[in-house]
Amino acid sequence: LPFLDRFGAAAAAGFEAVEFLFPYEHPAEEIADRLS
């Protein structure tokens, strides 16, 4: 999946947390929205 769609996939698979190498290709607020 595209990077920003992976957050939903992780939650659907039962994960409560995520990590990744680097966030800098995306605005921090965009990633924060997916986390929330």
All heavy atoms as atom14 arrays in JSON, in Angstrom:
{
  "sequence": "LPFLDRFGAAAAAGFEAVEFLFPYEHPAEEIADRLS",
  "atom14_mask": [
    [1, 1, 1, 1, 1, 1, 1, 1, 0, 0, 0, 0, 0, 0],
    [1, 1, 1, 1, 1, 1, 1, 0, 0, 0, 0, 0, 0, 0],
    [1, 1, 1, 1, 1, 1, 1, 1, 1, 1, 1, 0, 0, 0],
    [1, 1, 1, 1, 1, 1, 1, 1, 0, 0, 0, 0, 0, 0],
    [1, 1, 1, 1, 1, 1, 1, 1, 0, 0, 0, 0, 0, 0],
    [1, 1, 1, 1, 1, 1, 1, 1, 1, 1, 1, 0, 0, 0],
    [1, 1, 1, 1, 1, 1, 1, 1, 1, 1, 1, 0, 0, 0],
    [1, 1, 1, 1, 0, 0, 0, 0, 0, 0, 0, 0, 0, 0],
    [1, 1, 1, 1, 1, 0, 0, 0, 0, 0, 0, 0, 0, 0],
    [1, 1, 1, 1, 1, 0, 0, 0, 0, 0, 0, 0, 0, 0],
    [1, 1, 1, 1, 1, 0, 0, 0, 0, 0, 0, 0, 0, 0],
    [1, 1, 1, 1, 1, 0, 0, 0, 0, 0, 0, 0, 0, 0],
    [1, 1, 1, 1, 1, 0, 0, 0, 0, 0, 0, 0, 0, 0],
    [1, 1, 1, 1, 0, 0, 0, 0, 0, 0, 0, 0, 0, 0],
    [1, 1, 1, 1, 1, 1, 1, 1, 1, 1, 1, 0, 0, 0],
    [1, 1, 1, 1, 1, 1, 1, 1, 1, 0, 0, 0, 0, 0],
    [1, 1, 1, 1, 1, 0, 0, 0, 0, 0, 0, 0, 0, 0],
    [1, 1, 1, 1, 1, 1, 1, 0, 0, 0, 0, 0, 0, 0],
    [1, 1, 1, 1, 1, 1, 1, 1, 1, 0, 0, 0, 0, 0],
    [1, 1, 1, 1, 1, 1, 1, 1, 1, 1, 1, 0, 0, 0],
    [1, 1, 1, 1, 1, 1, 1, 1, 0, 0, 0, 0, 0, 0],
    [1, 1, 1, 1, 1, 1, 1, 1, 1, 1, 1, 0, 0, 0],
    [1, 1, 1, 1, 1, 1, 1, 0, 0, 0, 0, 0, 0, 0],
    [1, 1, 1, 1, 1, 1, 1, 1, 1, 1, 1, 1, 0, 0],
    [1, 1, 1, 1, 1, 1, 1, 1, 1, 0, 0, 0, 0, 0],
    [1, 1, 1, 1, 1, 1, 1, 1, 1, 1, 0, 0, 0, 0],
    [1, 1, 1, 1, 1, 1, 1, 0, 0, 0, 0, 0, 0, 0],
    [1, 1, 1, 1, 1, 0, 0, 0, 0, 0, 0, 0, 0, 0],
    [1, 1, 1, 1, 1, 1, 1, 1, 1, 0, 0, 0, 0, 0],
    [1, 1, 1, 1, 1, 1, 1, 1, 1, 0, 0, 0, 0, 0],
    [1, 1, 1, 1, 1, 1, 1, 1, 0, 0, 0, 0, 0, 0],
    [1, 1, 1, 1, 1, 0, 0, 0, 0, 0, 0, 0, 0, 0],
    [1, 1, 1, 1, 1, 1, 1, 1, 0, 0, 0, 0, 0, 0],
    [1, 1, 1, 1, 1, 1, 1, 1, 1, 1, 1, 0, 0, 0],
    [1, 1, 1, 1, 1, 1, 1, 1, 0, 0, 0, 0, 0, 0],
    [1, 1, 1, 1, 1, 1, 0, 0, 0, 0, 0, 0, 0, 0]
  ],
  "atom14_positions": [
    [[0.83, -1.2, 0.0], [0.0, 0.0, 0.0], [0.87, 1.25, 0.0], [2.02, 1.23, 0.46], [-0.88, 0.02, 1.26], [-1.84, -1.15, 1.44], [-2.45, -1.12, 2.83], [-2.93, -1.12, 0.38], [0.0, 0.0, 0.0], [0.0, 0.0, 0.0], [0.0, 0.0, 0.0], [0.0, 0.0, 0.0], [0.0, 0.0, 0.0], [0.0, 0.0, 0.0]],
    [[0.33, 2.39, -0.46], [1.04, 3.65, -0.28], [1.28, 3.93, 1.2], [0.5, 3.49, 2.06], [0.08, 4.68, -0.9], [-0.8, 3.9, -1.81], [-0.95, 2.54, -1.19], [0.0, 0.0, 0.0], [0.0, 0.0, 0.0], [0.0, 0.0, 0.0], [0.0, 0.0, 0.0], [0.0, 0.0, 0.0], [0.0, 0.0, 0.0], [0.0, 0.0, 0.0]],
    [[2.31, 4.69, 1.49], [2.75, 4.86, 2.88], [1.61, 5.31, 3.8], [1.39, 4.72, 4.86], [3.9, 5.87, 2.94], [4.36, 6.16, 4.33], [5.07, 5.21, 5.05], [4.09, 7.38, 4.94], [5.5, 5.47, 6.36], [4.51, 7.65, 6.23], [5.22, 6.69, 6.95], [0.0, 0.0, 0.0], [0.0, 0.0, 0.0], [0.0, 0.0, 0.0]],
    [[0.88, 6.33, 3.43], [-0.15, 6.86, 4.33], [-1.31, 5.9, 4.53], [-2.05, 6.01, 5.53], [-0.64, 8.22, 3.83], [0.38, 9.36, 3.92], [-0.18, 10.63, 3.3], [0.79, 9.62, 5.38], [0.0, 0.0, 0.0], [0.0, 0.0, 0.0], [0.0, 0.0, 0.0], [0.0, 0.0, 0.0], [0.0, 0.0, 0.0], [0.0, 0.0, 0.0]],
    [[-1.49, 4.95, 3.63], [-2.55, 3.95, 3.78], [-2.13, 2.8, 4.69], [-2.97, 1.99, 5.11], [-2.96, 3.39, 2.41], [-3.65, 4.43, 1.54], [-4.15, 5.42, 2.1], [-3.69, 4.24, 0.31], [0.0, 0.0, 0.0], [0.0, 0.0, 0.0], [0.0, 0.0, 0.0], [0.0, 0.0, 0.0], [0.0, 0.0, 0.0], [0.0, 0.0, 0.0]],
    [[-0.85, 2.72, 5.0], [-0.36, 1.61, 5.82], [-0.81, 1.75, 7.28], [-0.89, 0.75, 8.0], [1.17, 1.53, 5.74], [1.67, 1.22, 4.34], [3.18, 1.3, 4.24], [3.59, 1.42, 2.84], [4.83, 1.67, 2.44], [5.79, 1.82, 3.33], [5.09, 1.78, 1.15], [0.0, 0.0, 0.0], [0.0, 0.0, 0.0], [0.0, 0.0, 0.0]],
    [[-1.11, 2.97, 7.73], [-1.54, 3.17, 9.11], [-2.86, 2.45, 9.36], [-3.01, 1.74, 10.36], [-1.66, 4.66, 9.4], [-0.34, 5.39, 9.38], [0.22, 5.81, 8.19], [0.33, 5.65, 10.56], [1.43, 6.49, 8.17], [1.55, 6.32, 10.56], [2.09, 6.74, 9.35], [0.0, 0.0, 0.0], [0.0, 0.0, 0.0], [0.0, 0.0, 0.0]],
    [[-3.8, 2.62, 8.47], [-5.08, 1.95, 8.62], [-4.94, 0.44, 8.54], [-5.61, -0.3, 9.27], [0.0, 0.0, 0.0], [0.0, 0.0, 0.0], [0.0, 0.0, 0.0], [0.0, 0.0, 0.0], [0.0, 0.0, 0.0], [0.0, 0.0, 0.0], [0.0, 0.0, 0.0], [0.0, 0.0, 0.0], [0.0, 0.0, 0.0], [0.0, 0.0, 0.0]],
    [[-4.06, -0.03, 7.65], [-3.85, -1.47, 7.52], [-3.24, -2.05, 8.79], [-3.61, -3.15, 9.22], [-2.95, -1.75, 6.31], [0.0, 0.0, 0.0], [0.0, 0.0, 0.0], [0.0, 0.0, 0.0], [0.0, 0.0, 0.0], [0.0, 0.0, 0.0], [0.0, 0.0, 0.0], [0.0, 0.0, 0.0], [0.0, 0.0, 0.0], [0.0, 0.0, 0.0]],
    [[-2.32, -1.31, 9.39], [-1.72, -1.78, 10.64], [-2.75, -1.87, 11.75], [-2.81, -2.85, 12.51], [-0.57, -0.86, 11.05], [0.0, 0.0, 0.0], [0.0, 0.0, 0.0], [0.0, 0.0, 0.0], [0.0, 0.0, 0.0], [0.0, 0.0, 0.0], [0.0, 0.0, 0.0], [0.0, 0.0, 0.0], [0.0, 0.0, 0.0], [0.0, 0.0, 0.0]],
    [[-3.61, -0.85, 11.86], [-4.65, -0.87, 12.88], [-5.63, -2.02, 12.64], [-6.03, -2.71, 13.59], [-5.39, 0.46, 12.9], [0.0, 0.0, 0.0], [0.0, 0.0, 0.0], [0.0, 0.0, 0.0], [0.0, 0.0, 0.0], [0.0, 0.0, 0.0], [0.0, 0.0, 0.0], [0.0, 0.0, 0.0], [0.0, 0.0, 0.0], [0.0, 0.0, 0.0]],
    [[-5.99, -2.25, 11.38], [-6.92, -3.33, 11.06], [-6.33, -4.69, 11.39], [-7.06, -5.64, 11.71], [-7.29, -3.26, 9.58], [0.0, 0.0, 0.0], [0.0, 0.0, 0.0], [0.0, 0.0, 0.0], [0.0, 0.0, 0.0], [0.0, 0.0, 0.0], [0.0, 0.0, 0.0], [0.0, 0.0, 0.0], [0.0, 0.0, 0.0], [0.0, 0.0, 0.0]],
    [[-4.99, -4.79, 11.34], [-4.33, -6.06, 11.67], [-4.11, -6.24, 13.16], [-3.58, -7.27, 13.59], [-2.99, -6.13, 10.94], [0.0, 0.0, 0.0], [0.0, 0.0, 0.0], [0.0, 0.0, 0.0], [0.0, 0.0, 0.0], [0.0, 0.0, 0.0], [0.0, 0.0, 0.0], [0.0, 0.0, 0.0], [0.0, 0.0, 0.0], [0.0, 0.0, 0.0]],
    [[-4.51, -5.26, 13.96], [-4.44, -5.4, 15.41], [-3.29, -4.67, 16.08], [-3.13, -4.76, 17.31], [0.0, 0.0, 0.0], [0.0, 0.0, 0.0], [0.0, 0.0, 0.0], [0.0, 0.0, 0.0], [0.0, 0.0, 0.0], [0.0, 0.0, 0.0], [0.0, 0.0, 0.0], [0.0, 0.0, 0.0], [0.0, 0.0, 0.0], [0.0, 0.0, 0.0]],
    [[-2.48, -3.94, 15.32], [-1.39, -3.19, 15.93], [-1.93, -1.93, 16.61], [-2.84, -1.28, 16.11], [-0.36, -2.78, 14.87], [0.48, -3.92, 14.37], [0.19, -4.54, 13.15], [1.57, -4.37, 15.1], [0.97, -5.58, 12.68], [2.35, -5.42, 14.63], [2.05, -6.03, 13.43], [0.0, 0.0, 0.0], [0.0, 0.0, 0.0], [0.0, 0.0, 0.0]],
    [[-1.32, -1.59, 17.73], [-1.67, -0.37, 18.45], [-0.62, 0.71, 18.31], [-0.81, 1.84, 18.78], [-1.9, -0.68, 19.93], [-3.06, -1.65, 20.18], [-3.25, -1.96, 21.64], [-2.46, -1.46, 22.48], [-4.2, -2.7, 21.97], [0.0, 0.0, 0.0], [0.0, 0.0, 0.0], [0.0, 0.0, 0.0], [0.0, 0.0, 0.0], [0.0, 0.0, 0.0]],
    [[0.49, 0.37, 17.67], [1.58, 1.32, 17.5], [2.28, 1.05, 16.17], [2.18, -0.05, 15.61], [2.58, 1.21, 18.64], [0.0, 0.0, 0.0], [0.0, 0.0, 0.0], [0.0, 0.0, 0.0], [0.0, 0.0, 0.0], [0.0, 0.0, 0.0], [0.0, 0.0, 0.0], [0.0, 0.0, 0.0], [0.0, 0.0, 0.0], [0.0, 0.0, 0.0]],
    [[2.99, 2.07, 15.7], [3.76, 1.94, 14.46], [5.12, 2.61, 14.65], [5.32, 3.45, 15.54], [3.04, 2.58, 13.25], [1.74, 1.85, 12.96], [2.81, 4.07, 13.47], [0.0, 0.0, 0.0], [0.0, 0.0, 0.0], [0.0, 0.0, 0.0], [0.0, 0.0, 0.0], [0.0, 0.0, 0.0], [0.0, 0.0, 0.0], [0.0, 0.0, 0.0]],
    [[6.05, 2.22, 13.81], [7.32, 2.89, 13.65], [7.63, 2.91, 12.17], [6.96, 2.24, 11.38], [8.42, 2.16, 14.42], [8.67, 0.73, 13.92], [9.83, 0.03, 14.62], [10.03, 0.25, 15.82], [10.53, -0.75, 13.93], [0.0, 0.0, 0.0], [0.0, 0.0, 0.0], [0.0, 0.0, 0.0], [0.0, 0.0, 0.0], [0.0, 0.0, 0.0]],
    [[8.61, 3.67, 11.77], [9.08, 3.66, 10.38], [10.45, 4.31, 10.37], [10.91, 4.88, 11.37], [8.11, 4.39, 9.44], [7.51, 5.66, 9.98], [8.28, 6.8, 10.19], [6.16, 5.7, 10.32], [7.73, 7.95, 10.69], [5.59, 6.87, 10.83], [6.38, 8.0, 11.02], [0.0, 0.0, 0.0], [0.0, 0.0, 0.0], [0.0, 0.0, 0.0]],
    [[11.12, 4.21, 9.22], [12.46, 4.8, 9.14], [12.4, 6.32, 9.18], [12.97, 6.95, 10.06], [13.17, 4.32, 7.87], [13.48, 2.82, 7.79], [14.2, 2.5, 6.48], [14.32, 2.36, 8.98], [0.0, 0.0, 0.0], [0.0, 0.0, 0.0], [0.0, 0.0, 0.0], [0.0, 0.0, 0.0], [0.0, 0.0, 0.0], [0.0, 0.0, 0.0]],
    [[11.7, 6.91, 8.22], [11.74, 8.37, 8.07], [10.36, 8.91, 7.68], [9.72, 8.36, 6.79], [12.75, 8.78, 6.99], [14.06, 8.07, 7.11], [14.41, 7.09, 6.2], [14.94, 8.36, 8.14], [15.62, 6.41, 6.31], [16.14, 7.69, 8.27], [16.49, 6.71, 7.35], [0.0, 0.0, 0.0], [0.0, 0.0, 0.0], [0.0, 0.0, 0.0]],
    [[9.94, 10.01, 8.29], [8.65, 10.61, 7.94], [8.75, 11.81, 7.02], [7.74, 12.4, 6.66], [8.15, 11.08, 9.31], [9.41, 11.51, 10.01], [10.49, 10.56, 9.54], [0.0, 0.0, 0.0], [0.0, 0.0, 0.0], [0.0, 0.0, 0.0], [0.0, 0.0, 0.0], [0.0, 0.0, 0.0], [0.0, 0.0, 0.0], [0.0, 0.0, 0.0]],
    [[9.95, 12.19, 6.62], [10.18, 13.56, 6.14], [9.64, 13.86, 4.75], [9.62, 15.02, 4.33], [11.67, 13.87, 6.23], [12.23, 13.56, 7.6], [13.07, 12.47, 7.8], [11.85, 14.31, 8.71], [13.54, 12.15, 9.06], [12.31, 14.0, 9.98], [13.17, 12.91, 10.14], [13.61, 12.59, 11.39], [0.0, 0.0, 0.0], [0.0, 0.0, 0.0]],
    [[9.19, 12.84, 4.02], [8.58, 13.08, 2.72], [7.13, 13.56, 2.85], [6.52, 13.95, 1.84], [8.62, 11.82, 1.85], [10.03, 11.44, 1.42], [10.04, 10.25, 0.49], [8.94, 9.72, 0.18], [11.14, 9.83, 0.06], [0.0, 0.0, 0.0], [0.0, 0.0, 0.0], [0.0, 0.0, 0.0], [0.0, 0.0, 0.0], [0.0, 0.0, 0.0]],
    [[6.59, 13.51, 4.05], [5.19, 13.89, 4.29], [5.14, 14.93, 5.4], [5.91, 14.88, 6.36], [4.37, 12.67, 4.7], [4.37, 11.57, 3.69], [3.49, 11.52, 2.64], [5.18, 10.48, 3.56], [3.73, 10.45, 1.91], [4.75, 9.8, 2.45], [0.0, 0.0, 0.0], [0.0, 0.0, 0.0], [0.0, 0.0, 0.0], [0.0, 0.0, 0.0]],
    [[4.22, 15.88, 5.31], [4.05, 16.84, 6.41], [3.71, 16.1, 7.71], [2.95, 15.13, 7.71], [2.87, 17.7, 5.94], [2.85, 17.56, 4.46], [3.31, 16.16, 4.18], [0.0, 0.0, 0.0], [0.0, 0.0, 0.0], [0.0, 0.0, 0.0], [0.0, 0.0, 0.0], [0.0, 0.0, 0.0], [0.0, 0.0, 0.0], [0.0, 0.0, 0.0]],
    [[4.3, 16.56, 8.79], [4.06, 15.92, 10.08], [2.57, 15.87, 10.42], [2.07, 14.88, 10.97], [4.84, 16.63, 11.17], [0.0, 0.0, 0.0], [0.0, 0.0, 0.0], [0.0, 0.0, 0.0], [0.0, 0.0, 0.0], [0.0, 0.0, 0.0], [0.0, 0.0, 0.0], [0.0, 0.0, 0.0], [0.0, 0.0, 0.0], [0.0, 0.0, 0.0]],
    [[1.85, 16.93, 10.09], [0.42, 16.99, 10.42], [-0.37, 15.92, 9.68], [-1.35, 15.38, 10.21], [-0.12, 18.37, 10.08], [0.41, 19.49, 10.97], [1.83, 19.91, 10.62], [2.34, 19.49, 9.54], [2.44, 20.65, 11.42], [0.0, 0.0, 0.0], [0.0, 0.0, 0.0], [0.0, 0.0, 0.0], [0.0, 0.0, 0.0], [0.0, 0.0, 0.0]],
    [[0.06, 15.59, 8.47], [-0.62, 14.56, 7.69], [-0.46, 13.2, 8.35], [-1.42, 12.41, 8.44], [-0.02, 14.53, 6.28], [-1.01, 14.25, 5.17], [-0.39, 14.48, 3.8], [0.61, 13.79, 3.48], [-0.9, 15.32, 3.06], [0.0, 0.0, 0.0], [0.0, 0.0, 0.0], [0.0, 0.0, 0.0], [0.0, 0.0, 0.0], [0.0, 0.0, 0.0]],
    [[0.74, 12.92, 8.83], [0.98, 11.66, 9.53], [0.23, 11.64, 10.86], [-0.37, 10.62, 11.24], [2.49, 11.45, 9.74], [3.2, 11.35, 8.39], [2.75, 10.2, 10.58], [4.71, 11.31, 8.5], [0.0, 0.0, 0.0], [0.0, 0.0, 0.0], [0.0, 0.0, 0.0], [0.0, 0.0, 0.0], [0.0, 0.0, 0.0], [0.0, 0.0, 0.0]],
    [[0.26, 12.76, 11.57], [-0.46, 12.83, 12.85], [-1.94, 12.56, 12.67], [-2.58, 11.91, 13.53], [-0.23, 14.19, 13.5], [0.0, 0.0, 0.0], [0.0, 0.0, 0.0], [0.0, 0.0, 0.0], [0.0, 0.0, 0.0], [0.0, 0.0, 0.0], [0.0, 0.0, 0.0], [0.0, 0.0, 0.0], [0.0, 0.0, 0.0], [0.0, 0.0, 0.0]],
    [[-2.5, 13.03, 11.58], [-3.92, 12.77, 11.31], [-4.18, 11.27, 11.17], [-5.2, 10.77, 11.65], [-4.36, 13.49, 10.04], [-4.51, 14.99, 10.24], [-4.55, 15.43, 11.4], [-4.57, 15.72, 9.22], [0.0, 0.0, 0.0], [0.0, 0.0, 0.0], [0.0, 0.0, 0.0], [0.0, 0.0, 0.0], [0.0, 0.0, 0.0], [0.0, 0.0, 0.0]],
    [[-3.27, 10.56, 10.5], [-3.45, 9.11, 10.34], [-3.32, 8.4, 11.68], [-4.06, 7.45, 11.96], [-2.44, 8.56, 9.33], [-2.55, 9.14, 7.93], [-3.91, 8.89, 7.31], [-4.06, 9.57, 6.04], [-4.13, 8.97, 4.85], [-4.08, 7.66, 4.78], [-4.28, 9.68, 3.76], [0.0, 0.0, 0.0], [0.0, 0.0, 0.0], [0.0, 0.0, 0.0]],
    [[-2.38, 8.82, 12.48], [-2.23, 8.21, 13.81], [-3.5, 8.41, 14.62], [-4.01, 7.46, 15.25], [-1.04, 8.85, 14.54], [0.35, 8.56, 13.98], [1.38, 9.47, 14.66], [0.73, 7.09, 14.17], [0.0, 0.0, 0.0], [0.0, 0.0, 0.0], [0.0, 0.0, 0.0], [0.0, 0.0, 0.0], [0.0, 0.0, 0.0], [0.0, 0.0, 0.0]],
    [[-4.03, 9.61, 14.62], [-5.24, 9.91, 15.38], [-6.44, 9.16, 14.84], [-7.23, 8.58, 15.61], [-5.49, 11.42, 15.35], [-6.69, 11.74, 16.01], [0.0, 0.0, 0.0], [0.0, 0.0, 0.0], [0.0, 0.0, 0.0], [0.0, 0.0, 0.0], [0.0, 0.0, 0.0], [0.0, 0.0, 0.0], [0.0, 0.0, 0.0], [0.0, 0.0, 0.0]]
  ]
}
